[in-house]
Amino acid sequence: MFYYVLKYVLLGPLLRLVFRPRIEGLEHVPDTGAAIIAGNHLSFSDHFLMPAVLKRRITFLAKAEYFTGPGLKGRLTAAFFRSAGQIPVDRSGKEAGQAAIREGLGVLSKDELLGIYPEGTRSHDGRLYKGKVGVAVMALRAEVPVIPCAMIGTFEAQPPGKVVPNLHPVVIRFGKPLDFSRYAGMENEKAVLRAITDEIMYAILSLSEQEYVDKYASVAKAEDTAARSDKERRFRKLPLS
């Protein structure tokens, strides 16, 4: 019940007023039945903008850190995300990935929409990164289509670390459903999973027109952070005169 109050009364109207999103390709999202919506992830606001424009309820796999914060603020944040239909996912380790797949399949088994970000984390620089194969596993096991989705402008509207959004135009673009039934029964084939994931990422790339980087976002972010730290360390060692 709170999900619909949030969507139609509290948060949804506010998001549409602030971001004024333009929606394209909404006809590609099925009115009934299970499906995966796989999108790029540029901003914290992505979690709420997409559900606000969809006619159907969608459940996202969200990082567990949103549900484990300390104190009153942490408890309120966790309650908010659960009420908004988010499922916590521990993103560390192989077993955590399997748990996320089980949670996702549970949503799909109820003929619902599952939202997932194949990159696994937000882009720290606005570029599109290599997708993880969990989305392919779920698509094959549940035998459901994957609808690619591009969030455009949300990075500029609310980049990482910014609490109050900027006024910036946002486009939410849905692509044609991708059918992977030709790979039925091959969910344990690594090459097949990579091929499916790459096809999904290419579809997202075609919609978003981002720059693509063929490495995982978490790896790229760690490398950039290490490079900045090294640069700052070398700068501090420079002589003052």
C-alpha atoms as a PDB file:
ATOM      1  CA  MET A   1       0.000   0.000   0.000  1.00  0.00           C
ATOM      2  CA  PHE A   2       2.776   2.449   0.929  1.00  0.00           C
ATOM      3  CA  TYR A   3       4.405   1.811  -2.480  1.00  0.00           C
ATOM      4  CA  TYR A   4       1.386   3.297  -4.248  1.00  0.00           C
ATOM      5  CA  VAL A   5       1.050   6.167  -1.773  1.00  0.00           C
ATOM      6  CA  LEU A   6       4.715   6.945  -2.393  1.00  0.00           C
ATOM      7  CA  LYS A   7       4.312   6.709  -6.156  1.00  0.00           C
ATOM      8  CA  TYR A   8       1.061   8.601  -6.681  1.00  0.00           C
ATOM      9  CA  VAL A   9       0.844  10.947  -3.673  1.00  0.00           C
ATOM     10  CA  LEU A  10       4.163  11.660  -1.982  1.00  0.00           C
ATOM     11  CA  LEU A  11       7.260  11.126  -4.112  1.00  0.00           C
ATOM     12  CA  GLY A  12       6.030  10.525  -7.662  1.00  0.00           C
ATOM     13  CA  PRO A  13       4.417  13.951  -8.260  1.00  0.00           C
ATOM     14  CA  LEU A  14       7.438  15.699  -6.725  1.00  0.00           C
ATOM     15  CA  LEU A  15       9.870  13.818  -8.963  1.00  0.00           C
ATOM     16  CA  ARG A  16       7.855  14.597 -12.077  1.00  0.00           C
ATOM     17  CA  LEU A  17       7.700  18.270 -11.063  1.00  0.00           C
ATOM     18  CA  VAL A  18      11.440  18.600 -10.353  1.00  0.00           C
ATOM     19  CA  PHE A  19      12.867  16.476 -13.166  1.00  0.00           C
ATOM     20  CA  ARG A  20      10.043  16.787 -15.735  1.00  0.00           C
ATOM     21  CA  PRO A  21      11.147  13.522 -17.377  1.00  0.00           C
ATOM     22  CA  ARG A  22      10.373  12.825 -21.022  1.00  0.00           C
ATOM     23  CA  ILE A  23       9.374   9.211 -21.533  1.00  0.00           C
ATOM     24  CA  GLU A  24      10.110   7.326 -24.736  1.00  0.00           C
ATOM     25  CA  GLY A  25       9.255   3.735 -25.677  1.00  0.00           C
ATOM     26  CA  LEU A  26       6.939   3.025 -22.754  1.00  0.00           C
ATOM     27  CA  GLU A  27       4.900   0.784 -25.073  1.00  0.00           C
ATOM     28  CA  HIS A  28       7.775  -1.726 -24.948  1.00  0.00           C
ATOM     29  CA  VAL A  29       7.064  -2.499 -21.277  1.00  0.00           C
ATOM     30  CA  PRO A  30       4.474  -5.334 -21.130  1.00  0.00           C
ATOM     31  CA  ASP A  31       1.185  -4.675 -19.340  1.00  0.00           C
ATOM     32  CA  THR A  32       1.245  -8.134 -17.734  1.00  0.00           C
ATOM     33  CA  GLY A  33       3.673 -10.947 -17.075  1.00  0.00           C
ATOM     34  CA  ALA A  34       7.208 -11.160 -15.786  1.00  0.00           C
ATOM     35  CA  ALA A  35      10.020  -9.181 -17.386  1.00  0.00           C
ATOM     36  CA  ILE A  36      13.395  -7.711 -16.497  1.00  0.00           C
ATOM     37  CA  ILE A  37      14.066  -4.022 -17.055  1.00  0.00           C
ATOM     38  CA  ALA A  38      17.829  -3.566 -17.334  1.00  0.00           C
ATOM     39  CA  GLY A  39      19.123  -0.011 -17.205  1.00  0.00           C
ATOM     40  CA  ASN A  40      22.198   2.129 -16.881  1.00  0.00           C
ATOM     41  CA  HIS A  41      22.794   3.621 -13.453  1.00  0.00           C
ATOM     42  CA  LEU A  42      23.926   7.232 -13.233  1.00  0.00           C
ATOM     43  CA  SER A  43      22.283   8.666 -10.135  1.00  0.00           C
ATOM     44  CA  PHE A  44      20.667   7.879  -6.803  1.00  0.00           C
ATOM     45  CA  SER A  45      17.455   9.302  -8.256  1.00  0.00           C
ATOM     46  CA  ASP A  46      17.306   6.491 -10.861  1.00  0.00           C
ATOM     47  CA  HIS A  47      15.812   4.223  -8.191  1.00  0.00           C
ATOM     48  CA  PHE A  48      12.735   6.428  -7.972  1.00  0.00           C
ATOM     49  CA  LEU A  49      12.364   8.088 -11.358  1.00  0.00           C
ATOM     50  CA  MET A  50      11.800   4.886 -13.311  1.00  0.00           C
ATOM     51  CA  PRO A  51       9.119   3.512 -10.936  1.00  0.00           C
ATOM     52  CA  ALA A  52       7.443   6.928 -11.015  1.00  0.00           C
ATOM     53  CA  VAL A  53       6.852   6.742 -14.773  1.00  0.00           C
ATOM     54  CA  LEU A  54       5.944   3.063 -15.108  1.00  0.00           C
ATOM     55  CA  LYS A  55       2.318   1.992 -15.017  1.00  0.00           C
ATOM     56  CA  ARG A  56       3.194  -1.247 -13.217  1.00  0.00           C
ATOM     57  CA  ARG A  57       4.986  -1.836  -9.957  1.00  0.00           C
ATOM     58  CA  ILE A  58       8.667  -2.658 -10.323  1.00  0.00           C
ATOM     59  CA  THR A  59      10.987  -4.183  -7.728  1.00  0.00           C
ATOM     60  CA  PHE A  60      14.677  -3.299  -7.753  1.00  0.00           C
ATOM     61  CA  LEU A  61      17.652  -5.134  -6.352  1.00  0.00           C
ATOM     62  CA  ALA A  62      19.326  -2.431  -4.228  1.00  0.00           C
ATOM     63  CA  LYS A  63      22.657  -2.475  -2.429  1.00  0.00           C
ATOM     64  CA  ALA A  64      22.505  -3.781   1.121  1.00  0.00           C
ATOM     65  CA  GLU A  65      24.168  -0.638   2.501  1.00  0.00           C
ATOM     66  CA  TYR A  66      20.858   1.207   2.095  1.00  0.00           C
ATOM     67  CA  PHE A  67      19.335  -1.176   4.652  1.00  0.00           C
ATOM     68  CA  THR A  68      22.114  -1.393   7.241  1.00  0.00           C
ATOM     69  CA  GLY A  69      22.846   2.224   8.170  1.00  0.00           C
ATOM     70  CA  PRO A  70      23.317   3.017  11.883  1.00  0.00           C
ATOM     71  CA  GLY A  71      20.948   4.916  14.158  1.00  0.00           C
ATOM     72  CA  LEU A  72      17.531   6.376  13.525  1.00  0.00           C
ATOM     73  CA  LYS A  73      18.508   7.667  10.085  1.00  0.00           C
ATOM     74  CA  GLY A  74      19.616   4.175   9.048  1.00  0.00           C
ATOM     75  CA  ARG A  75      16.391   2.589  10.246  1.00  0.00           C
ATOM     76  CA  LEU A  76      14.271   5.195   8.474  1.00  0.00           C
ATOM     77  CA  THR A  77      16.250   4.750   5.260  1.00  0.00           C
ATOM     78  CA  ALA A  78      15.845   0.966   5.425  1.00  0.00           C
ATOM     79  CA  ALA A  79      12.108   1.264   6.061  1.00  0.00           C
ATOM     80  CA  PHE A  80      11.774   3.684   3.158  1.00  0.00           C
ATOM     81  CA  PHE A  81      13.543   1.393   0.691  1.00  0.00           C
ATOM     82  CA  ARG A  82      11.563  -1.653   1.785  1.00  0.00           C
ATOM     83  CA  SER A  83       8.309   0.267   1.467  1.00  0.00           C
ATOM     84  CA  ALA A  84       9.388   1.395  -2.011  1.00  0.00           C
ATOM     85  CA  GLY A  85       9.729  -2.218  -3.112  1.00  0.00           C
ATOM     86  CA  GLN A  86      13.535  -2.494  -2.960  1.00  0.00           C
ATOM     87  CA  ILE A  87      15.255  -5.784  -2.098  1.00  0.00           C
ATOM     88  CA  PRO A  88      18.640  -5.611  -0.305  1.00  0.00           C
ATOM     89  CA  VAL A  89      21.556  -7.287  -2.071  1.00  0.00           C
ATOM     90  CA  ASP A  90      24.987  -7.899  -0.590  1.00  0.00           C
ATOM     91  CA  ARG A  91      27.365  -7.169  -3.468  1.00  0.00           C
ATOM     92  CA  SER A  92      30.465  -8.821  -2.002  1.00  0.00           C
ATOM     93  CA  GLY A  93      31.535 -12.316  -3.031  1.00  0.00           C
ATOM     94  CA  LYS A  94      30.246 -15.107  -5.253  1.00  0.00           C
ATOM     95  CA  GLU A  95      27.635 -16.350  -2.766  1.00  0.00           C
ATOM     96  CA  ALA A  96      26.199 -12.847  -2.557  1.00  0.00           C
ATOM     97  CA  GLY A  97      25.695 -12.898  -6.320  1.00  0.00           C
ATOM     98  CA  GLN A  98      23.804 -16.179  -6.077  1.00  0.00           C
ATOM     99  CA  ALA A  99      21.597 -14.723  -3.350  1.00  0.00           C
ATOM    100  CA  ALA A 100      20.760 -11.774  -5.582  1.00  0.00           C
ATOM    101  CA  ILE A 101      19.809 -14.127  -8.397  1.00  0.00           C
ATOM    102  CA  ARG A 102      17.514 -16.081  -6.057  1.00  0.00           C
ATOM    103  CA  GLU A 103      15.825 -12.873  -4.915  1.00  0.00           C
ATOM    104  CA  GLY A 104      15.370 -11.724  -8.495  1.00  0.00           C
ATOM    105  CA  LEU A 105      13.925 -15.050  -9.605  1.00  0.00           C
ATOM    106  CA  GLY A 106      11.495 -14.874  -6.695  1.00  0.00           C
ATOM    107  CA  VAL A 107      10.146 -11.570  -8.038  1.00  0.00           C
ATOM    108  CA  LEU A 108       9.857 -12.925 -11.579  1.00  0.00           C
ATOM    109  CA  SER A 109       8.077 -16.072 -10.391  1.00  0.00           C
ATOM    110  CA  LYS A 110       5.187 -13.815  -9.314  1.00  0.00           C
ATOM    111  CA  ASP A 111       4.856 -12.423 -12.866  1.00  0.00           C
ATOM    112  CA  GLU A 112       6.184  -9.058 -11.735  1.00  0.00           C
ATOM    113  CA  LEU A 113       8.690  -6.572 -13.165  1.00  0.00           C
ATOM    114  CA  LEU A 114      12.246  -6.788 -11.894  1.00  0.00           C
ATOM    115  CA  GLY A 115      14.567  -3.795 -12.212  1.00  0.00           C
ATOM    116  CA  ILE A 116      18.294  -4.369 -12.339  1.00  0.00           C
ATOM    117  CA  TYR A 117      21.433  -2.400 -13.123  1.00  0.00           C
ATOM    118  CA  PRO A 118      23.815  -4.839 -14.859  1.00  0.00           C
ATOM    119  CA  GLU A 119      26.809  -2.584 -14.112  1.00  0.00           C
ATOM    120  CA  GLY A 120      26.326  -3.455 -10.444  1.00  0.00           C
ATOM    121  CA  THR A 121      26.898   0.080  -9.152  1.00  0.00           C
ATOM    122  CA  ARG A 122      26.446   3.709 -10.136  1.00  0.00           C
ATOM    123  CA  SER A 123      28.748   5.127 -12.790  1.00  0.00           C
ATOM    124  CA  HIS A 124      31.137   7.561 -11.094  1.00  0.00           C
ATOM    125  CA  ASP A 125      31.875   9.509 -14.289  1.00  0.00           C
ATOM    126  CA  GLY A 126      28.780   9.183 -16.471  1.00  0.00           C
ATOM    127  CA  ARG A 127      30.182   6.468 -18.736  1.00  0.00           C
ATOM    128  CA  LEU A 128      28.652   3.015 -19.324  1.00  0.00           C
ATOM    129  CA  TYR A 129      30.590   0.069 -17.966  1.00  0.00           C
ATOM    130  CA  LYS A 130      30.745  -3.690 -18.538  1.00  0.00           C
ATOM    131  CA  GLY A 131      27.709  -5.620 -17.325  1.00  0.00           C
ATOM    132  CA  LYS A 132      27.723  -8.493 -14.865  1.00  0.00           C
ATOM    133  CA  VAL A 133      26.192 -11.776 -16.039  1.00  0.00           C
ATOM    134  CA  GLY A 134      23.574 -12.152 -13.285  1.00  0.00           C
ATOM    135  CA  VAL A 135      20.973 -10.503 -15.525  1.00  0.00           C
ATOM    136  CA  ALA A 136      21.597 -13.178 -18.175  1.00  0.00           C
ATOM    137  CA  VAL A 137      21.240 -15.992 -15.649  1.00  0.00           C
ATOM    138  CA  MET A 138      17.883 -14.651 -14.462  1.00  0.00           C
ATOM    139  CA  ALA A 139      16.592 -14.071 -17.995  1.00  0.00           C
ATOM    140  CA  LEU A 140      17.347 -17.676 -18.977  1.00  0.00           C
ATOM    141  CA  ARG A 141      16.172 -19.364 -15.787  1.00  0.00           C
ATOM    142  CA  ALA A 142      12.920 -17.401 -15.610  1.00  0.00           C
ATOM    143  CA  GLU A 143      12.450 -17.472 -19.408  1.00  0.00           C
ATOM    144  CA  VAL A 144      11.517 -13.795 -19.520  1.00  0.00           C
ATOM    145  CA  PRO A 145      12.321 -10.917 -21.899  1.00  0.00           C
ATOM    146  CA  VAL A 146      14.748  -8.153 -21.014  1.00  0.00           C
ATOM    147  CA  ILE A 147      13.715  -4.565 -21.729  1.00  0.00           C
ATOM    148  CA  PRO A 148      16.729  -2.241 -22.026  1.00  0.00           C
ATOM    149  CA  CYS A 149      16.345   1.183 -20.466  1.00  0.00           C
ATOM    150  CA  ALA A 150      18.456   4.329 -20.631  1.00  0.00           C
ATOM    151  CA  MET A 151      18.380   7.075 -18.021  1.00  0.00           C
ATOM    152  CA  ILE A 152      19.622  10.231 -19.749  1.00  0.00           C
ATOM    153  CA  GLY A 153      20.456  13.406 -17.863  1.00  0.00           C
ATOM    154  CA  THR A 154      20.203  12.033 -14.330  1.00  0.00           C
ATOM    155  CA  PHE A 155      23.994  12.194 -13.875  1.00  0.00           C
ATOM    156  CA  GLU A 156      23.904  15.930 -14.556  1.00  0.00           C
ATOM    157  CA  ALA A 157      20.754  16.368 -12.460  1.00  0.00           C
ATOM    158  CA  GLN A 158      22.133  14.536  -9.432  1.00  0.00           C
ATOM    159  CA  PRO A 159      25.749  13.390  -9.729  1.00  0.00           C
ATOM    160  CA  PRO A 160      27.313  11.191  -7.011  1.00  0.00           C
ATOM    161  CA  GLY A 161      27.501  13.000  -3.677  1.00  0.00           C
ATOM    162  CA  LYS A 162      24.933  15.676  -4.506  1.00  0.00           C
ATOM    163  CA  VAL A 163      21.865  15.675  -2.243  1.00  0.00           C
ATOM    164  CA  VAL A 164      19.765  18.468  -3.771  1.00  0.00           C
ATOM    165  CA  PRO A 165      19.260  17.841  -7.513  1.00  0.00           C
ATOM    166  CA  ASN A 166      20.083  20.353 -10.224  1.00  0.00           C
ATOM    167  CA  LEU A 167      17.399  21.481 -12.648  1.00  0.00           C
ATOM    168  CA  HIS A 168      18.324  19.495 -15.728  1.00  0.00           C
ATOM    169  CA  PRO A 169      16.201  17.793 -18.398  1.00  0.00           C
ATOM    170  CA  VAL A 170      15.826  14.029 -18.002  1.00  0.00           C
ATOM    171  CA  VAL A 171      14.844  11.432 -20.595  1.00  0.00           C
ATOM    172  CA  ILE A 172      13.835   7.859 -19.730  1.00  0.00           C
ATOM    173  CA  ARG A 173      14.031   5.706 -22.848  1.00  0.00           C
ATOM    174  CA  PHE A 174      12.839   2.088 -23.108  1.00  0.00           C
ATOM    175  CA  GLY A 175      13.935  -0.182 -25.947  1.00  0.00           C
ATOM    176  CA  LYS A 176      12.362  -3.187 -27.613  1.00  0.00           C
ATOM    177  CA  PRO A 177      12.268  -6.373 -25.496  1.00  0.00           C
ATOM    178  CA  LEU A 178      15.211  -8.722 -26.023  1.00  0.00           C
ATOM    179  CA  ASP A 179      14.293 -12.407 -26.412  1.00  0.00           C
ATOM    180  CA  PHE A 180      16.912 -14.954 -25.389  1.00  0.00           C
ATOM    181  CA  SER A 181      14.796 -18.102 -25.717  1.00  0.00           C
ATOM    182  CA  ARG A 182      17.290 -19.390 -28.316  1.00  0.00           C
ATOM    183  CA  TYR A 183      19.692 -19.965 -25.424  1.00  0.00           C
ATOM    184  CA  ALA A 184      17.226 -21.995 -23.323  1.00  0.00           C
ATOM    185  CA  GLY A 185      18.949 -24.458 -21.003  1.00  0.00           C
ATOM    186  CA  MET A 186      22.379 -22.859 -21.433  1.00  0.00           C
ATOM    187  CA  GLU A 187      22.460 -20.758 -18.260  1.00  0.00           C
ATOM    188  CA  ASN A 188      25.590 -22.579 -17.068  1.00  0.00           C
ATOM    189  CA  GLU A 189      27.595 -21.754 -20.191  1.00  0.00           C
ATOM    190  CA  LYS A 190      29.912 -18.845 -19.377  1.00  0.00           C
ATOM    191  CA  ALA A 191      30.364 -17.810 -23.009  1.00  0.00           C
ATOM    192  CA  VAL A 192      26.590 -17.711 -23.519  1.00  0.00           C
ATOM    193  CA  LEU A 193      26.043 -15.619 -20.382  1.00  0.00           C
ATOM    194  CA  ARG A 194      28.701 -13.149 -21.470  1.00  0.00           C
ATOM    195  CA  ALA A 195      27.227 -12.927 -24.984  1.00  0.00           C
ATOM    196  CA  ILE A 196      23.738 -12.238 -23.603  1.00  0.00           C
ATOM    197  CA  THR A 197      25.008  -9.642 -21.133  1.00  0.00           C
ATOM    198  CA  ASP A 198      27.011  -7.886 -23.829  1.00  0.00           C
ATOM    199  CA  GLU A 199      23.932  -7.804 -26.077  1.00  0.00           C
ATOM    200  CA  ILE A 200      21.934  -6.202 -23.257  1.00  0.00           C
ATOM    201  CA  MET A 201      24.663  -3.639 -22.608  1.00  0.00           C
ATOM    202  CA  TYR A 202      24.879  -2.808 -26.309  1.00  0.00           C
ATOM    203  CA  ALA A 203      21.120  -2.202 -26.366  1.00  0.00           C
ATOM    204  CA  ILE A 204      21.431   0.137 -23.372  1.00  0.00           C
ATOM    205  CA  LEU A 205      24.375   1.872 -25.042  1.00  0.00           C
ATOM    206  CA  SER A 206      22.365   2.401 -28.235  1.00  0.00           C
ATOM    207  CA  LEU A 207      19.594   4.042 -26.214  1.00  0.00           C
ATOM    208  CA  SER A 208      21.790   6.153 -23.932  1.00  0.00           C
ATOM    209  CA  GLU A 209      24.585   7.084 -26.393  1.00  0.00           C
ATOM    210  CA  GLN A 210      27.080   7.035 -23.525  1.00  0.00           C
ATOM    211  CA  GLU A 211      30.777   6.366 -23.887  1.00  0.00           C
ATOM    212  CA  TYR A 212      31.391   2.649 -23.214  1.00  0.00           C
ATOM    213  CA  VAL A 213      34.252   1.284 -21.107  1.00  0.00           C
ATOM    214  CA  ASP A 214      35.009  -2.445 -21.318  1.00  0.00           C
ATOM    215  CA  LYS A 215      35.732  -2.965 -17.633  1.00  0.00           C
ATOM    216  CA  TYR A 216      33.634  -3.257 -14.494  1.00  0.00           C
ATOM    217  CA  ALA A 217      32.536   0.027 -12.930  1.00  0.00           C
ATOM    218  CA  SER A 218      33.811  -0.934  -9.481  1.00  0.00           C
ATOM    219  CA  VAL A 219      37.278  -1.666 -10.914  1.00  0.00           C
ATOM    220  CA  ALA A 220      37.384   1.594 -12.880  1.00  0.00           C
ATOM    221  CA  LYS A 221      36.304   3.604  -9.827  1.00  0.00           C
ATOM    222  CA  ALA A 222      38.967   1.971  -7.656  1.00  0.00           C
ATOM    223  CA  GLU A 223      41.629   2.689 -10.292  1.00  0.00           C
ATOM    224  CA  ASP A 224      40.557   6.331 -10.598  1.00  0.00           C
ATOM    225  CA  THR A 225      40.561   6.751  -6.809  1.00  0.00           C
ATOM    226  CA  ALA A 226      44.037   5.215  -6.548  1.00  0.00           C
ATOM    227  CA  ALA A 227      45.319   7.438  -9.372  1.00  0.00           C
ATOM    228  CA  ARG A 228      43.972  10.580  -7.673  1.00  0.00           C
ATOM    229  CA  SER A 229      45.499   9.563  -4.344  1.00  0.00           C
ATOM    230  CA  ASP A 230      48.856   8.944  -5.990  1.00  0.00           C
ATOM    231  CA  LYS A 231      48.694  12.316  -7.769  1.00  0.00           C
ATOM    232  CA  GLU A 232      47.877  14.122  -4.515  1.00  0.00           C
ATOM    233  CA  ARG A 233      50.703  12.309  -2.733  1.00  0.00           C
ATOM    234  CA  ARG A 234      53.221  13.290  -5.408  1.00  0.00           C
ATOM    235  CA  PHE A 235      51.933  16.891  -5.375  1.00  0.00           C
ATOM    236  CA  ARG A 236      52.483  17.161  -1.616  1.00  0.00           C
ATOM    237  CA  LYS A 237      56.097  16.021  -2.080  1.00  0.00           C
ATOM    238  CA  LEU A 238      56.897  18.772  -4.586  1.00  0.00           C
ATOM    239  CA  PRO A 239      59.264  21.472  -3.254  1.00  0.00           C
ATOM    240  CA  LEU A 240      57.590  24.759  -2.387  1.00  0.00           C
ATOM    241  CA  SER A 241      60.259  26.842  -4.108  1.00  0.00           C
END
